N, C-alpha and C. Protein backbone atom coordinates (compact mmCIF):
# COMPACT_ATOMS: atom_id res chain seq x y z
N MET A 1 16.01 3.51 10.23
CA MET A 1 16.03 2.63 11.34
C MET A 1 15.83 1.18 10.85
N VAL A 2 16.66 0.30 11.30
CA VAL A 2 16.55 -1.11 10.96
C VAL A 2 16.33 -1.92 12.22
N LEU A 3 15.30 -2.74 12.24
CA LEU A 3 14.96 -3.59 13.38
C LEU A 3 15.25 -4.99 12.96
N LEU A 4 16.02 -5.74 13.76
CA LEU A 4 16.39 -7.11 13.41
C LEU A 4 15.39 -8.04 14.12
N LEU A 5 14.81 -8.94 13.34
CA LEU A 5 13.88 -9.94 13.89
C LEU A 5 14.43 -11.31 13.54
N LEU A 6 14.14 -12.29 14.36
CA LEU A 6 14.50 -13.69 14.06
C LEU A 6 13.25 -14.48 13.83
N LEU A 7 13.16 -15.17 12.72
CA LEU A 7 12.01 -15.97 12.37
C LEU A 7 12.44 -17.43 12.35
N SER A 8 11.63 -18.28 12.95
CA SER A 8 11.88 -19.71 12.93
C SER A 8 11.06 -20.30 11.78
N VAL A 9 11.74 -20.92 10.83
CA VAL A 9 11.06 -21.54 9.68
C VAL A 9 11.57 -22.98 9.61
N GLY A 10 10.66 -23.90 9.70
CA GLY A 10 11.06 -25.34 9.66
C GLY A 10 11.96 -25.59 10.85
N THR A 11 13.17 -26.12 10.60
CA THR A 11 14.08 -26.44 11.64
C THR A 11 15.18 -25.41 11.84
N GLY A 12 15.20 -24.35 10.98
CA GLY A 12 16.28 -23.39 11.06
C GLY A 12 15.80 -22.02 11.43
N LEU A 13 16.70 -21.14 11.73
CA LEU A 13 16.37 -19.75 12.01
C LEU A 13 16.83 -18.89 10.86
N LEU A 14 15.96 -17.96 10.48
CA LEU A 14 16.26 -16.99 9.46
C LEU A 14 16.29 -15.59 10.04
N ALA A 15 17.24 -14.79 9.68
CA ALA A 15 17.26 -13.41 10.13
C ALA A 15 16.45 -12.56 9.17
N SER A 16 15.71 -11.61 9.69
CA SER A 16 14.90 -10.75 8.84
C SER A 16 14.97 -9.33 9.41
N SER A 17 15.06 -8.35 8.55
CA SER A 17 15.04 -6.98 9.02
C SER A 17 13.84 -6.26 8.46
N VAL A 18 13.39 -5.24 9.14
CA VAL A 18 12.27 -4.46 8.71
C VAL A 18 12.80 -3.17 8.11
N ILE A 19 12.32 -2.83 6.94
CA ILE A 19 12.76 -1.63 6.28
C ILE A 19 11.57 -0.75 5.96
N SER A 20 11.75 0.54 5.92
CA SER A 20 10.64 1.45 5.65
C SER A 20 10.74 1.91 4.19
N ALA A 21 9.61 1.99 3.55
CA ALA A 21 9.51 2.51 2.19
C ALA A 21 9.30 4.00 2.23
N ALA A 22 9.63 4.68 1.16
CA ALA A 22 9.42 6.10 1.07
C ALA A 22 7.91 6.40 1.14
N PRO A 23 7.53 7.42 1.89
CA PRO A 23 6.11 7.72 2.02
C PRO A 23 5.47 8.04 0.65
N GLN A 24 4.23 7.65 0.49
CA GLN A 24 3.49 7.99 -0.71
C GLN A 24 2.11 8.49 -0.24
N ALA A 25 1.78 9.69 -0.65
CA ALA A 25 0.49 10.28 -0.26
C ALA A 25 0.34 10.31 1.25
N GLY A 26 1.45 10.63 1.97
CA GLY A 26 1.37 10.73 3.43
C GLY A 26 1.41 9.42 4.14
N THR A 27 1.64 8.31 3.45
CA THR A 27 1.61 7.02 4.11
C THR A 27 2.97 6.34 3.87
N SER A 28 3.52 5.72 4.95
CA SER A 28 4.73 4.91 4.77
C SER A 28 4.46 3.51 5.24
N TYR A 29 5.19 2.54 4.72
CA TYR A 29 5.00 1.17 5.07
C TYR A 29 6.31 0.58 5.52
N ALA A 30 6.24 -0.31 6.52
CA ALA A 30 7.41 -1.05 7.01
C ALA A 30 7.35 -2.44 6.38
N PHE A 31 8.23 -2.66 5.43
CA PHE A 31 8.28 -3.98 4.74
C PHE A 31 9.28 -4.89 5.39
N SER A 32 8.91 -6.14 5.60
CA SER A 32 9.86 -7.13 6.13
C SER A 32 10.76 -7.60 4.96
N THR A 33 11.96 -8.00 5.30
CA THR A 33 12.85 -8.55 4.30
C THR A 33 12.26 -9.87 3.79
N PRO A 34 12.23 -10.06 2.46
CA PRO A 34 11.61 -11.26 1.93
C PRO A 34 12.34 -12.54 2.34
N ILE A 35 11.57 -13.60 2.45
CA ILE A 35 12.13 -14.94 2.68
C ILE A 35 12.00 -15.65 1.34
N LYS A 36 13.10 -15.99 0.76
CA LYS A 36 13.09 -16.61 -0.58
C LYS A 36 13.20 -18.10 -0.51
N ALA A 37 12.23 -18.80 -1.12
CA ALA A 37 12.28 -20.23 -1.18
C ALA A 37 13.45 -20.75 -2.01
N ALA A 38 13.87 -21.97 -1.78
CA ALA A 38 14.90 -22.56 -2.62
C ALA A 38 14.46 -22.52 -4.06
N HIS A 39 15.37 -22.20 -4.96
CA HIS A 39 15.13 -22.09 -6.40
C HIS A 39 14.27 -20.89 -6.81
N TRP A 40 13.99 -19.98 -5.87
CA TRP A 40 13.28 -18.72 -6.19
C TRP A 40 14.08 -17.95 -7.19
N LYS A 41 13.41 -17.36 -8.15
CA LYS A 41 14.08 -16.53 -9.14
C LYS A 41 13.59 -15.07 -9.08
N SER A 42 12.27 -14.87 -9.03
CA SER A 42 11.71 -13.53 -8.98
C SER A 42 10.26 -13.58 -8.55
N ASN A 43 9.69 -12.42 -8.23
CA ASN A 43 8.32 -12.36 -7.89
C ASN A 43 7.70 -11.02 -8.40
N MET A 44 6.39 -11.03 -8.58
CA MET A 44 5.68 -9.86 -9.02
C MET A 44 4.34 -9.83 -8.28
N PRO A 45 3.92 -8.75 -7.67
CA PRO A 45 4.65 -7.50 -7.54
C PRO A 45 6.00 -7.70 -6.83
N SER A 46 6.89 -6.77 -7.03
CA SER A 46 8.20 -6.81 -6.39
C SER A 46 8.10 -6.61 -4.91
N SER A 47 8.99 -7.19 -4.14
CA SER A 47 9.08 -7.01 -2.69
C SER A 47 9.35 -5.54 -2.43
N GLY A 48 8.53 -4.97 -1.54
CA GLY A 48 8.70 -3.58 -1.12
C GLY A 48 8.10 -2.56 -2.08
N GLU A 49 7.45 -3.04 -3.14
CA GLU A 49 6.85 -2.12 -4.12
C GLU A 49 5.58 -1.51 -3.60
N VAL A 50 5.36 -0.20 -3.83
CA VAL A 50 4.12 0.50 -3.53
C VAL A 50 3.42 0.77 -4.85
N LEU A 51 2.29 0.18 -5.03
CA LEU A 51 1.55 0.24 -6.28
C LEU A 51 0.39 1.27 -6.20
N SER A 52 0.11 1.95 -7.31
CA SER A 52 -0.98 2.93 -7.33
C SER A 52 -2.29 2.30 -7.75
N SER A 53 -2.32 1.00 -8.06
CA SER A 53 -3.54 0.29 -8.35
C SER A 53 -3.37 -1.18 -7.96
N VAL A 54 -4.47 -1.87 -7.92
CA VAL A 54 -4.43 -3.28 -7.54
C VAL A 54 -3.84 -4.09 -8.69
N PRO A 55 -2.81 -4.90 -8.43
CA PRO A 55 -2.28 -5.75 -9.50
C PRO A 55 -3.25 -6.89 -9.82
N SER A 56 -3.22 -7.42 -11.01
CA SER A 56 -4.16 -8.47 -11.37
C SER A 56 -3.79 -9.81 -10.74
N GLN A 57 -2.51 -10.01 -10.44
CA GLN A 57 -2.07 -11.31 -9.88
C GLN A 57 -0.75 -11.17 -9.14
N ALA A 58 -0.45 -12.20 -8.34
CA ALA A 58 0.86 -12.39 -7.77
C ALA A 58 1.51 -13.52 -8.57
N LYS A 59 2.80 -13.39 -8.84
CA LYS A 59 3.52 -14.42 -9.62
C LYS A 59 4.86 -14.68 -8.98
N ILE A 60 5.20 -15.93 -8.86
CA ILE A 60 6.54 -16.32 -8.36
C ILE A 60 7.17 -17.20 -9.42
N ASP A 61 8.41 -16.86 -9.79
CA ASP A 61 9.17 -17.60 -10.79
C ASP A 61 10.29 -18.40 -10.07
N ALA A 62 10.57 -19.57 -10.58
CA ALA A 62 11.63 -20.44 -10.04
C ALA A 62 12.56 -20.84 -11.18
N ASP A 63 13.74 -21.35 -10.79
CA ASP A 63 14.72 -21.77 -11.79
C ASP A 63 14.75 -23.32 -11.88
N PHE A 64 13.67 -23.93 -11.43
CA PHE A 64 13.59 -25.38 -11.37
C PHE A 64 12.17 -25.79 -11.67
N ASN A 65 11.92 -26.87 -12.38
CA ASN A 65 10.56 -27.30 -12.66
C ASN A 65 9.84 -27.65 -11.36
N MET A 66 8.66 -27.12 -11.20
CA MET A 66 7.82 -27.38 -10.04
C MET A 66 6.88 -28.56 -10.33
N GLY A 67 6.42 -29.18 -9.23
CA GLY A 67 5.46 -30.23 -9.34
C GLY A 67 4.13 -29.74 -8.76
N PRO A 68 3.22 -30.66 -8.38
CA PRO A 68 1.94 -30.27 -7.81
C PRO A 68 2.07 -29.83 -6.36
N GLY A 69 1.06 -29.11 -5.83
CA GLY A 69 1.00 -28.73 -4.44
C GLY A 69 1.43 -27.31 -4.13
N ASN A 70 1.72 -26.50 -5.15
CA ASN A 70 2.16 -25.12 -4.93
C ASN A 70 0.99 -24.32 -4.41
N PHE A 71 1.33 -23.24 -3.65
CA PHE A 71 0.29 -22.41 -3.04
C PHE A 71 0.75 -20.99 -2.87
N ILE A 72 -0.14 -20.03 -3.17
CA ILE A 72 0.11 -18.61 -2.93
C ILE A 72 -1.05 -18.07 -2.12
N SER A 73 -0.72 -17.31 -1.05
CA SER A 73 -1.72 -16.60 -0.24
C SER A 73 -1.37 -15.11 -0.30
N ILE A 74 -2.37 -14.26 -0.52
CA ILE A 74 -2.19 -12.80 -0.55
C ILE A 74 -3.12 -12.23 0.47
N SER A 75 -2.55 -11.74 1.61
CA SER A 75 -3.40 -11.31 2.71
C SER A 75 -3.01 -9.92 3.21
N LYS A 76 -4.02 -9.27 3.86
CA LYS A 76 -3.83 -7.98 4.52
C LYS A 76 -4.68 -8.03 5.81
N ASP A 77 -4.02 -7.78 6.90
CA ASP A 77 -4.72 -7.75 8.21
C ASP A 77 -5.52 -9.01 8.47
N GLY A 78 -4.95 -10.14 8.08
CA GLY A 78 -5.61 -11.45 8.33
C GLY A 78 -6.69 -11.83 7.33
N LYS A 79 -6.99 -10.99 6.40
CA LYS A 79 -8.01 -11.30 5.37
C LYS A 79 -7.36 -11.70 4.05
N GLU A 80 -7.85 -12.79 3.44
CA GLU A 80 -7.30 -13.27 2.22
C GLU A 80 -7.86 -12.51 1.00
N TYR A 81 -6.94 -12.01 0.14
CA TYR A 81 -7.32 -11.30 -1.07
C TYR A 81 -6.94 -12.05 -2.34
N GLY A 82 -6.41 -13.26 -2.18
CA GLY A 82 -6.17 -14.11 -3.33
C GLY A 82 -7.46 -14.72 -3.82
N MET A 83 -7.63 -14.83 -5.12
CA MET A 83 -8.88 -15.35 -5.70
C MET A 83 -8.55 -16.55 -6.56
N GLY A 84 -9.41 -17.59 -6.45
CA GLY A 84 -9.22 -18.77 -7.26
C GLY A 84 -8.05 -19.60 -6.80
N ASP A 85 -7.65 -20.54 -7.64
CA ASP A 85 -6.56 -21.43 -7.31
C ASP A 85 -5.22 -20.85 -7.66
N THR A 86 -4.18 -21.41 -7.07
CA THR A 86 -2.78 -21.13 -7.50
C THR A 86 -2.57 -21.96 -8.77
N VAL A 87 -2.08 -21.27 -9.84
CA VAL A 87 -1.94 -21.95 -11.13
C VAL A 87 -0.46 -22.14 -11.48
N LEU A 88 -0.10 -23.37 -11.85
CA LEU A 88 1.26 -23.67 -12.29
C LEU A 88 1.32 -23.47 -13.80
N SER A 89 2.34 -22.71 -14.26
CA SER A 89 2.48 -22.45 -15.71
C SER A 89 2.77 -23.71 -16.46
N SER A 90 2.51 -23.71 -17.78
CA SER A 90 2.73 -24.93 -18.59
C SER A 90 4.17 -25.36 -18.65
N ASP A 91 5.13 -24.36 -18.49
CA ASP A 91 6.55 -24.76 -18.50
C ASP A 91 7.01 -25.13 -17.08
N LYS A 92 6.13 -25.05 -16.10
CA LYS A 92 6.35 -25.46 -14.72
C LYS A 92 7.40 -24.64 -13.99
N LEU A 93 7.66 -23.41 -14.49
CA LEU A 93 8.67 -22.52 -13.89
C LEU A 93 8.07 -21.33 -13.11
N SER A 94 6.74 -21.21 -13.11
CA SER A 94 6.11 -20.15 -12.36
C SER A 94 4.76 -20.53 -11.86
N VAL A 95 4.32 -19.87 -10.78
CA VAL A 95 2.96 -20.03 -10.27
C VAL A 95 2.36 -18.66 -10.12
N THR A 96 1.03 -18.57 -10.30
CA THR A 96 0.31 -17.30 -10.20
C THR A 96 -0.96 -17.51 -9.42
N ARG A 97 -1.45 -16.42 -8.85
CA ARG A 97 -2.80 -16.39 -8.24
C ARG A 97 -3.38 -15.03 -8.42
N ARG A 98 -4.64 -14.92 -8.85
CA ARG A 98 -5.31 -13.68 -9.03
C ARG A 98 -5.54 -12.94 -7.70
N ILE A 99 -5.54 -11.61 -7.79
CA ILE A 99 -5.78 -10.75 -6.63
C ILE A 99 -7.12 -10.08 -6.78
N ASP A 100 -7.89 -10.03 -5.71
CA ASP A 100 -9.22 -9.36 -5.69
C ASP A 100 -9.09 -7.96 -6.20
N PRO A 101 -9.77 -7.59 -7.30
CA PRO A 101 -9.62 -6.20 -7.82
C PRO A 101 -10.15 -5.13 -6.88
N ASN A 102 -10.91 -5.51 -5.88
CA ASN A 102 -11.44 -4.59 -4.86
C ASN A 102 -10.57 -4.49 -3.65
N ALA A 103 -9.36 -5.04 -3.68
CA ALA A 103 -8.47 -5.01 -2.54
C ALA A 103 -8.21 -3.55 -2.12
N PRO A 104 -8.32 -3.24 -0.84
CA PRO A 104 -8.13 -1.86 -0.39
C PRO A 104 -6.65 -1.47 -0.24
N ASN A 105 -6.41 -0.20 0.01
CA ASN A 105 -5.05 0.28 0.28
C ASN A 105 -4.50 -0.45 1.50
N GLY A 106 -3.18 -0.61 1.51
CA GLY A 106 -2.53 -1.16 2.70
C GLY A 106 -1.37 -2.08 2.33
N LEU A 107 -0.83 -2.69 3.37
CA LEU A 107 0.32 -3.58 3.28
C LEU A 107 -0.13 -5.02 3.12
N TYR A 108 0.35 -5.70 2.08
CA TYR A 108 -0.05 -7.05 1.79
C TYR A 108 1.14 -8.01 1.97
N THR A 109 0.86 -9.16 2.50
CA THR A 109 1.87 -10.20 2.66
C THR A 109 1.53 -11.36 1.71
N VAL A 110 2.51 -11.73 0.90
CA VAL A 110 2.38 -12.90 0.03
C VAL A 110 3.17 -14.03 0.65
N ASN A 111 2.49 -15.09 1.08
CA ASN A 111 3.14 -16.30 1.56
C ASN A 111 2.98 -17.32 0.45
N TYR A 112 4.05 -18.04 0.17
CA TYR A 112 3.93 -19.05 -0.89
C TYR A 112 4.73 -20.29 -0.55
N GLU A 113 4.31 -21.40 -1.19
CA GLU A 113 4.97 -22.66 -1.05
C GLU A 113 5.21 -23.20 -2.44
N LEU A 114 6.49 -23.44 -2.76
CA LEU A 114 6.88 -24.01 -4.06
C LEU A 114 7.24 -25.47 -3.85
N CYS A 115 6.64 -26.32 -4.64
CA CYS A 115 6.85 -27.77 -4.49
C CYS A 115 7.55 -28.34 -5.72
N TRP A 116 8.41 -29.29 -5.49
CA TRP A 116 9.18 -29.92 -6.57
C TRP A 116 8.58 -31.27 -6.92
N PRO A 117 8.91 -31.83 -8.03
CA PRO A 117 8.35 -33.13 -8.46
C PRO A 117 8.52 -34.26 -7.45
N ASP A 118 9.56 -34.19 -6.61
CA ASP A 118 9.80 -35.25 -5.66
C ASP A 118 8.94 -35.10 -4.42
N GLY A 119 8.11 -34.04 -4.37
CA GLY A 119 7.21 -33.84 -3.25
C GLY A 119 7.73 -32.91 -2.14
N THR A 120 8.99 -32.51 -2.20
CA THR A 120 9.51 -31.55 -1.24
C THR A 120 9.02 -30.15 -1.55
N CYS A 121 8.74 -29.40 -0.53
CA CYS A 121 8.21 -28.04 -0.72
C CYS A 121 9.02 -27.06 0.10
N HIS A 122 9.11 -25.84 -0.34
CA HIS A 122 9.87 -24.77 0.36
C HIS A 122 8.97 -23.54 0.45
N ILE A 123 9.04 -22.84 1.56
CA ILE A 123 8.20 -21.69 1.80
C ILE A 123 8.98 -20.37 1.52
N GLY A 124 8.20 -19.33 1.22
CA GLY A 124 8.78 -18.01 1.05
C GLY A 124 7.73 -16.99 1.41
N GLN A 125 8.17 -15.72 1.51
CA GLN A 125 7.25 -14.64 1.86
C GLN A 125 7.83 -13.31 1.38
N TYR A 126 6.96 -12.39 0.97
CA TYR A 126 7.34 -11.02 0.66
C TYR A 126 6.16 -10.12 0.81
N GLN A 127 6.39 -8.83 0.80
CA GLN A 127 5.32 -7.86 0.99
C GLN A 127 5.33 -6.78 -0.09
N PHE A 128 4.18 -6.25 -0.37
CA PHE A 128 4.01 -5.12 -1.24
C PHE A 128 2.87 -4.29 -0.66
N ALA A 129 2.69 -3.07 -1.17
CA ALA A 129 1.62 -2.20 -0.69
C ALA A 129 0.83 -1.63 -1.84
N ILE A 130 -0.44 -1.33 -1.55
CA ILE A 130 -1.31 -0.65 -2.51
C ILE A 130 -1.64 0.70 -1.88
N GLN A 131 -1.42 1.77 -2.63
CA GLN A 131 -1.77 3.13 -2.19
C GLN A 131 -2.38 3.84 -3.41
N LYS A 132 -3.72 3.71 -3.53
CA LYS A 132 -4.41 4.30 -4.69
C LYS A 132 -4.57 5.80 -4.51
């Protein structure tokens, strides 16, 4: 089953669909289709991934040098599980943020903002799940 949702981001509309992941240990998750920021290249954990343990960090890679102001939020049910600051890599092509090692099972949403040297920023979002 695919459910079509419309999300308003900035001044435009983006279409998003909800997809279900294969059940693991009797649990299934409905992942939203990721919203990819401009110049997005990849992310870790992967969108729609069900992990058997808590990952150490969330990482977003870009194909363009980023400037200051980047941000990553890792949340579940309205609670933030990101720890510390969002860190820009020395080559300025990726940002990371640590994840609370005590994060419980469930569906997590990663919201991020990637900013360029000229001060413009673009948002993105993806989801992953933890099922220990």
